[in-house]
Protein backbone atom coordinates (compact mmCIF):
# COMPACT_ATOMS: atom_id res chain seq x y z
CA UNK A 1 13.73 22.78 -44.96
CA UNK A 2 17.32 23.51 -44.30
CA UNK A 3 19.16 20.45 -42.83
CA UNK A 4 21.48 22.56 -40.69
CA UNK A 5 20.48 24.89 -38.53
CA UNK A 6 22.59 27.17 -36.39
CA UNK A 7 22.45 27.85 -32.47
CA UNK A 8 24.28 30.12 -30.63
CA UNK A 9 24.40 30.94 -26.78
CA UNK A 10 23.71 34.45 -26.06
CA UNK A 11 25.45 34.27 -22.28
CA UNK A 12 28.93 32.68 -24.15
CA UNK A 13 30.39 33.50 -27.22
CA UNK A 14 29.74 29.86 -28.88
CA UNK A 15 27.84 28.63 -31.52
CA UNK A 16 27.37 25.72 -33.57
CA UNK A 17 25.27 23.62 -36.36
CA UNK A 18 23.02 21.13 -35.96
CA UNK A 19 22.25 18.51 -38.38
CA UNK A 20 18.40 18.12 -37.95
CA UNK A 21 17.90 14.78 -39.60
CA UNK A 22 21.10 13.43 -37.25
CA UNK A 23 19.30 15.21 -34.56
CA UNK A 24 15.70 13.53 -35.72
CA UNK A 25 17.47 9.86 -35.86
CA UNK A 26 19.23 10.47 -32.38
CA UNK A 27 15.94 11.25 -30.67
CA UNK A 28 14.30 8.10 -32.66
CA UNK A 29 17.05 5.93 -31.68
CA UNK A 30 16.75 6.98 -27.76
CA UNK A 31 12.80 6.37 -27.46
CA UNK A 32 13.44 2.92 -29.32
CA UNK A 33 16.24 2.43 -26.63
CA UNK A 34 13.83 3.61 -23.76
CA UNK A 35 10.92 1.44 -24.83
CA UNK A 36 13.19 -1.54 -25.47
CA UNK A 37 14.31 -1.15 -21.86
CA UNK A 38 11.07 -1.23 -20.46
CA UNK A 39 9.87 -4.00 -22.31
CA UNK A 40 13.03 -5.90 -20.99
CA UNK A 41 11.89 -4.74 -17.78
CA UNK A 42 8.55 -6.48 -17.63
CA UNK A 43 9.87 -9.86 -19.08
CA UNK A 44 10.87 -12.78 -17.27
CA UNK A 45 9.24 -15.18 -14.69
CA UNK A 46 7.52 -12.48 -13.05
CA UNK A 47 5.61 -10.82 -15.75
CA UNK A 48 4.62 -6.70 -15.75
CA UNK A 49 2.95 -4.81 -18.25
CA UNK A 50 4.22 -1.29 -19.45
CA UNK A 51 2.24 0.11 -16.87
CA UNK A 52 3.41 -1.62 -14.24
CA UNK A 53 6.59 -1.33 -14.87
CA UNK A 54 6.60 2.41 -14.72
CA UNK A 55 4.86 2.34 -11.52
CA UNK A 56 7.45 0.54 -9.70
CA UNK A 57 9.88 2.55 -11.09
CA UNK A 58 7.81 5.59 -9.50
CA UNK A 59 7.91 3.92 -6.45
CA UNK A 60 4.36 2.26 -6.40
CA UNK A 61 5.08 -1.69 -7.31
CA UNK A 62 4.92 -4.57 -5.04
CA UNK A 63 7.19 -6.47 -3.03
CA UNK A 64 7.89 -8.81 -6.07
CA UNK A 65 7.73 -6.40 -8.58
CA UNK A 66 10.49 -4.40 -6.83
CA UNK A 67 12.75 -7.46 -6.16
CA UNK A 68 12.26 -8.55 -9.78
CA UNK A 69 12.20 -5.18 -11.83
CA UNK A 70 14.39 -2.69 -9.56
CA UNK A 71 17.03 -5.25 -7.85
CA UNK A 72 17.41 -8.46 -10.53
CA UNK A 73 16.60 -6.74 -13.72
CA UNK A 74 17.43 -3.01 -13.84
CA UNK A 75 20.78 -3.03 -12.70
CA UNK A 76 21.76 -5.65 -16.16
CA UNK A 77 19.83 -3.72 -18.24
CA UNK A 78 21.65 -0.26 -17.35
CA UNK A 79 24.56 -1.87 -17.46
CA UNK A 80 24.10 -3.22 -21.04
CA UNK A 81 23.19 0.20 -22.12
CA UNK A 82 26.11 1.88 -20.81
CA UNK A 83 28.51 -1.11 -21.92
CA UNK A 84 26.88 -0.96 -25.44
CA UNK A 85 27.65 2.88 -25.69
CA UNK A 86 31.02 2.50 -24.21
CA UNK A 87 32.08 -0.31 -26.76
CA UNK A 88 30.78 1.78 -29.55
CA UNK A 89 32.25 4.48 -28.45
CA UNK A 90 35.83 2.63 -28.31
CA UNK A 91 35.21 1.12 -32.00
CA UNK A 92 34.40 4.89 -33.21
CA UNK A 93 37.55 6.15 -32.28
CA UNK A 94 39.48 3.30 -33.22
CA UNK A 95 37.99 3.23 -37.02
CA UNK A 96 38.57 6.94 -37.50
CA UNK A 97 42.03 6.39 -35.65
CA UNK A 98 43.37 3.57 -38.03
CA UNK A 99 40.75 4.73 -40.89
CA UNK A 100 40.09 0.81 -41.35
CA UNK A 101 36.60 -0.15 -41.12
CA UNK A 102 37.68 -3.86 -39.70
CA UNK A 103 38.89 -1.51 -36.92
CA UNK A 104 36.99 -2.79 -33.21
CA UNK A 105 38.24 -3.43 -29.63
CA UNK A 106 37.88 -6.87 -30.22
CA UNK A 107 39.96 -7.23 -33.62
CA UNK A 108 43.04 -5.06 -32.86
CA UNK A 109 43.82 -6.50 -29.38
CA UNK A 110 42.08 -4.25 -26.53
CA UNK A 111 39.35 -6.86 -25.74
CA UNK A 112 42.57 -9.37 -25.64
CA UNK A 113 44.46 -7.71 -23.32
CA UNK A 114 41.01 -7.50 -21.03
CA UNK A 115 40.04 -11.07 -21.57
CA UNK A 116 43.94 -12.69 -20.86
CA UNK A 117 44.07 -10.41 -17.66
CA UNK A 118 40.43 -11.94 -16.34
CA UNK A 119 41.75 -15.66 -17.32
CA UNK A 120 45.26 -15.02 -15.91
CA UNK A 121 43.20 -13.49 -12.47
CA UNK A 122 40.34 -15.94 -12.60
CA UNK A 123 43.05 -18.82 -12.99
CA UNK A 124 46.73 -17.55 -11.34
CA UNK A 125 46.31 -14.65 -9.39
CA UNK A 126 43.15 -15.04 -7.32
CA UNK A 127 43.88 -18.85 -6.36
CA UNK A 128 47.41 -18.01 -5.22
CA UNK A 129 46.47 -14.39 -3.33
CA UNK A 130 43.17 -14.98 -2.53
CA UNK A 131 42.12 -11.40 -3.44
CA UNK A 132 37.93 -12.21 -4.26
CA UNK A 133 36.70 -11.80 -7.65
CA UNK A 134 35.56 -8.32 -7.24
CA UNK A 135 38.83 -7.72 -8.32
CA UNK A 136 38.26 -8.97 -11.51
CA UNK A 137 36.90 -5.91 -13.02
CA UNK A 138 40.22 -3.77 -11.75
CA UNK A 139 42.42 -6.49 -13.82
CA UNK A 140 40.62 -6.63 -16.86
CA UNK A 141 40.41 -3.01 -17.09
CA UNK A 142 44.55 -2.59 -16.25
CA UNK A 143 45.32 -5.64 -19.51
CA UNK A 144 43.20 -3.39 -21.78
CA UNK A 145 45.33 -0.41 -21.21
CA UNK A 146 48.85 -2.54 -20.44
CA UNK A 147 48.06 -4.18 -24.46
CA UNK A 148 47.17 -1.34 -26.04
CA UNK A 149 50.42 0.67 -24.71
CA UNK A 150 52.82 -1.98 -25.60
CA UNK A 151 50.89 -2.23 -28.95
CA UNK A 152 51.56 1.64 -29.56
CA UNK A 153 54.90 1.04 -28.63
CA UNK A 154 55.93 -1.61 -30.73
CA UNK A 155 54.14 0.35 -34.02
CA UNK A 156 56.47 3.15 -33.10
CA UNK A 157 58.76 4.58 -35.94
CA UNK A 158 59.31 8.08 -36.31
CA UNK A 159 55.78 8.14 -35.11
CA UNK A 160 52.96 5.37 -35.43
CA UNK A 161 50.91 5.12 -38.75
CA UNK A 162 47.82 3.37 -38.74
CA UNK A 163 48.42 0.80 -41.08
CA UNK A 164 51.63 -0.28 -38.46
CA UNK A 165 48.96 -0.10 -35.86
CA UNK A 166 46.24 -2.42 -37.34
CA UNK A 167 49.13 -4.94 -38.08
CA UNK A 168 50.62 -4.98 -34.63
CA UNK A 169 46.91 -5.41 -33.12
CA UNK A 170 46.24 -8.42 -35.51
CA UNK A 171 49.26 -10.10 -34.01
CA UNK A 172 48.91 -9.09 -30.31
CA UNK A 173 45.08 -10.60 -30.87
CA UNK A 174 46.40 -13.85 -32.26
CA UNK A 175 49.35 -14.00 -29.50
CA UNK A 176 47.03 -13.31 -26.72
CA UNK A 177 44.13 -15.56 -27.62
CA UNK A 178 46.90 -18.36 -27.71
CA UNK A 179 48.17 -17.45 -24.12
CA UNK A 180 44.58 -17.69 -22.82
CA UNK A 181 43.68 -20.69 -24.44
CA UNK A 182 46.86 -22.79 -22.72
CA UNK A 183 46.08 -21.17 -19.34
CA UNK A 184 42.55 -22.11 -19.77
CA UNK A 185 43.97 -25.89 -20.72
CA UNK A 186 46.02 -26.43 -18.17
CA UNK A 187 43.94 -24.47 -15.45
CA UNK A 188 41.48 -26.60 -13.03
CA UNK A 189 38.16 -27.24 -14.54
CA UNK A 190 36.44 -25.10 -12.21
CA UNK A 191 38.50 -21.76 -13.06
CA UNK A 192 38.45 -22.95 -16.97
CA UNK A 193 34.35 -22.92 -16.39
CA UNK A 194 34.46 -19.56 -14.38
CA UNK A 195 36.64 -18.02 -17.19
CA UNK A 196 34.79 -19.55 -20.01
CA UNK A 197 31.62 -17.48 -18.54
CA UNK A 198 33.24 -14.65 -18.64
CA UNK A 199 34.41 -15.09 -21.83
CA UNK A 200 30.98 -15.30 -23.21
CA UNK A 201 29.85 -11.83 -22.39
CA UNK A 202 26.98 -12.53 -20.07
CA UNK A 203 25.00 -9.42 -17.86
CA UNK A 204 23.74 -12.23 -15.32
CA UNK A 205 23.90 -11.18 -11.85
CA UNK A 206 24.71 -7.38 -12.30
CA UNK A 207 24.73 -5.55 -9.13
CA UNK A 208 24.28 -1.85 -8.43
CA UNK A 209 27.70 -1.09 -7.59
CA UNK A 210 28.97 -2.32 -11.05
CA UNK A 211 26.63 0.15 -12.32
CA UNK A 212 27.49 2.82 -10.27
CA UNK A 213 31.34 1.95 -11.40
CA UNK A 214 30.72 2.14 -14.86
CA UNK A 215 28.47 5.12 -14.81
CA UNK A 216 31.09 7.14 -13.15
CA UNK A 217 33.69 6.43 -15.94
CA UNK A 218 31.34 7.01 -18.57
CA UNK A 219 30.62 10.48 -16.90
CA UNK A 220 34.41 11.23 -16.74
CA UNK A 221 34.95 9.74 -20.42
CA UNK A 222 32.25 10.84 -22.18
CA UNK A 223 32.68 14.47 -21.76
CA UNK A 224 36.36 14.46 -22.76
CA UNK A 225 35.80 12.52 -25.69
CA UNK A 226 33.46 14.81 -26.98
CA UNK A 227 36.11 17.35 -26.46
CA UNK A 228 38.24 15.61 -29.15
CA UNK A 229 35.82 15.63 -31.69
CA UNK A 230 37.66 18.12 -34.11
CA UNK A 231 40.90 15.38 -33.48
CA UNK A 232 38.41 12.92 -34.85
CA UNK A 233 37.77 14.18 -37.69
CA UNK A 234 41.25 15.50 -38.24
CA UNK A 235 42.05 11.83 -38.43
CA UNK A 236 39.83 11.29 -41.38
CA UNK A 237 42.27 13.17 -44.03
CA UNK A 238 45.85 12.70 -44.53
CA UNK A 239 48.85 13.40 -41.93
CA UNK A 240 50.37 15.82 -43.88
CA UNK A 241 46.63 17.99 -43.51
CA UNK A 242 46.54 17.12 -40.50
CA UNK A 243 49.68 18.61 -39.35
CA UNK A 244 48.88 21.73 -41.89
CA UNK A 245 46.11 21.89 -39.90
CA UNK A 246 47.81 22.33 -36.87
CA UNK A 247 46.70 18.70 -35.33
CA UNK A 248 49.76 17.19 -32.91
CA UNK A 249 49.77 14.28 -34.66
CA UNK A 250 51.24 11.53 -32.79
CA UNK A 251 50.03 13.00 -29.55
CA UNK A 252 46.53 13.40 -30.81
CA UNK A 253 46.91 9.25 -31.72
CA UNK A 254 48.23 8.55 -28.61
CA UNK A 255 45.62 10.60 -26.54
CA UNK A 256 42.97 8.89 -29.02
CA UNK A 257 43.79 5.49 -28.35
CA UNK A 258 43.89 5.74 -24.83
CA UNK A 259 40.37 6.80 -24.49
CA UNK A 260 39.83 3.92 -27.07
CA UNK A 261 41.67 1.69 -24.20
CA UNK A 262 39.89 3.05 -21.52
CA UNK A 263 35.85 2.92 -22.99
CA UNK A 264 36.19 -0.49 -24.04
CA UNK A 265 38.42 -1.84 -20.96
CA UNK A 266 35.89 -0.59 -18.43
CA UNK A 267 33.03 -2.19 -20.55
CA UNK A 268 34.85 -5.45 -20.80
CA UNK A 269 36.09 -5.36 -17.29
CA UNK A 270 32.29 -5.51 -15.60
CA UNK A 271 29.99 -7.27 -18.39
CA UNK A 272 32.71 -9.86 -20.26
CA UNK A 273 34.09 -10.14 -23.67
CA UNK A 274 30.98 -9.18 -25.54
CA UNK A 275 32.24 -9.35 -29.08
CA UNK A 276 31.48 -7.00 -32.63
CA UNK A 277 29.86 -3.89 -30.88
CA UNK A 278 32.62 -2.25 -31.91
CA UNK A 279 32.73 -3.04 -35.05
CA UNK A 280 28.83 -3.09 -36.11
CA UNK A 281 27.46 0.17 -34.08
CA UNK A 282 29.73 2.45 -36.14
CA UNK A 283 28.56 1.50 -39.13
CA UNK A 284 24.92 1.37 -39.00
CA UNK A 285 25.72 4.99 -37.27
CA UNK A 286 27.53 6.18 -40.42
CA UNK A 287 24.87 4.76 -42.47
CA UNK A 288 22.29 6.79 -40.56
CA UNK A 289 23.92 10.14 -40.06
CA UNK A 290 27.43 10.21 -41.95
CA UNK A 291 30.59 10.33 -41.05
CA UNK A 292 31.19 13.65 -38.78
CA UNK A 293 32.18 12.26 -34.88
CA UNK A 294 29.95 15.30 -33.61
CA UNK A 295 26.33 13.53 -34.78
CA UNK A 296 28.39 9.72 -35.60
CA UNK A 297 29.35 9.22 -31.82
CA UNK A 298 26.07 9.61 -29.78
CA UNK A 299 24.27 8.00 -32.71
CA UNK A 300 26.65 4.87 -32.28
CA UNK A 301 26.11 4.95 -28.86
CA UNK A 302 22.81 4.73 -29.01
CA UNK A 303 22.61 1.75 -31.60
CA UNK A 304 25.55 -0.07 -29.35
CA UNK A 305 23.27 0.06 -26.31
CA UNK A 306 19.93 -1.01 -27.99
CA UNK A 307 22.50 -4.18 -29.10
CA UNK A 308 23.20 -4.99 -26.16
CA UNK A 309 20.15 -4.62 -24.21
CA UNK A 310 18.24 -6.81 -26.75
CA UNK A 311 20.58 -9.37 -27.02
CA UNK A 312 20.43 -9.68 -23.07
CA UNK A 313 16.58 -9.55 -22.99
CA UNK A 314 16.55 -12.40 -25.97
CA UNK A 315 19.23 -14.61 -24.02
CA UNK A 316 17.05 -14.12 -20.70
CA UNK A 317 13.78 -14.32 -22.14
CA UNK A 318 13.36 -16.56 -24.88
CA UNK A 319 15.07 -19.56 -23.75
CA UNK A 320 14.06 -19.55 -20.06
CA UNK A 321 14.41 -21.20 -17.57
CA UNK A 322 18.18 -20.82 -19.15
CA UNK A 323 19.90 -17.35 -19.26
CA UNK A 324 22.00 -17.31 -22.52
CA UNK A 325 24.63 -14.75 -22.35
CA UNK A 326 24.34 -11.59 -24.58
CA UNK A 327 28.05 -12.08 -25.98
CA UNK A 328 26.30 -15.51 -27.95
CA UNK A 329 23.96 -13.04 -29.81
CA UNK A 330 26.04 -10.15 -30.38
CA UNK A 331 28.79 -12.92 -32.33
CA UNK A 332 25.68 -14.95 -34.29
CA UNK A 333 25.30 -11.56 -35.59
CA UNK A 334 28.21 -9.47 -35.62
CA UNK A 335 30.65 -12.83 -37.77
CA UNK A 336 28.69 -12.32 -40.50
CA UNK A 337 28.58 -8.81 -40.85
CA UNK A 338 32.42 -8.64 -40.26
CA UNK A 339 32.61 -11.19 -43.33
CA UNK A 340 30.70 -9.06 -45.04
CA UNK A 341 32.58 -5.88 -45.03
CA UNK A 342 35.26 -8.08 -45.40
CA UNK A 343 34.21 -8.99 -48.78
CA UNK A 344 33.08 -5.52 -49.50
CA UNK A 345 36.53 -4.24 -48.85
CA UNK A 346 37.92 -6.53 -51.14
CA UNK A 347 35.94 -6.04 -54.20
CA UNK A 348 37.29 -2.41 -53.61
């Protein structure tokens, strides 16, 4: 069987190659994600078989099933899938842009910017202005975007090189983490507790309007991102080759880093600081389908969604009646994964 198949659109002058192996893997991951979501929907205090879950989704559920499955569980599962996809796509962009396998939103400052602004909002801004907790996602998103542009500006010297970008990112992450800790130490115990819960990365008490907002952002950003596949593939080669092939290097990098900040910012804003998804998912995807971004990005997005939905399911059901944040389990998996990558890079 040929690995690649050509698809041509008769009505439009468009044709493209599809890696059949990658397509099969994407289909299998999609099936796995849907199956995991159905299992998670049926698990909990109110248990339901897969058949009852499907019946409830089709509108034939009882009152208790509708409340448990559609009001309490389905929003957090959908948000988890969207957040996992967003973080994985952001990590894919950053690893391609910086050409470093350790690059991820929570490693080079994007997540730190969102986290610091969230803590600042909880401990200072909201008590002073009384805006209400519904404004927290907006401030977290703006924090991520602001820090990325500051990082980009500090790394500028006749353009931005990937090496300077990641060094500045590491430094900003350490600085923002220190400021965040100081705010939590000197803040009231109530706001400190609230900040800590948000920082652990929890999908608890997700509302439908939050799912709608994230869905809208993803519907806007994802088509734009897939339009930048060629630009991402160009980032894999040297700067000289990129320029020689007609790429506007600095403009491309600014656009890609903005896209990474938006995807990570909107994800972290509604789910808290869930770590290591942006690091792990692109690596797993690269092992499965290779380095071409046309197939890497959808694979990474599906893997990120699976990781967070699984972590949330484990935290919600395995330790009931406690509800352990999903970020705790992603950190337990991601921290050893980070060390493994670091050791492998050192040995090379």
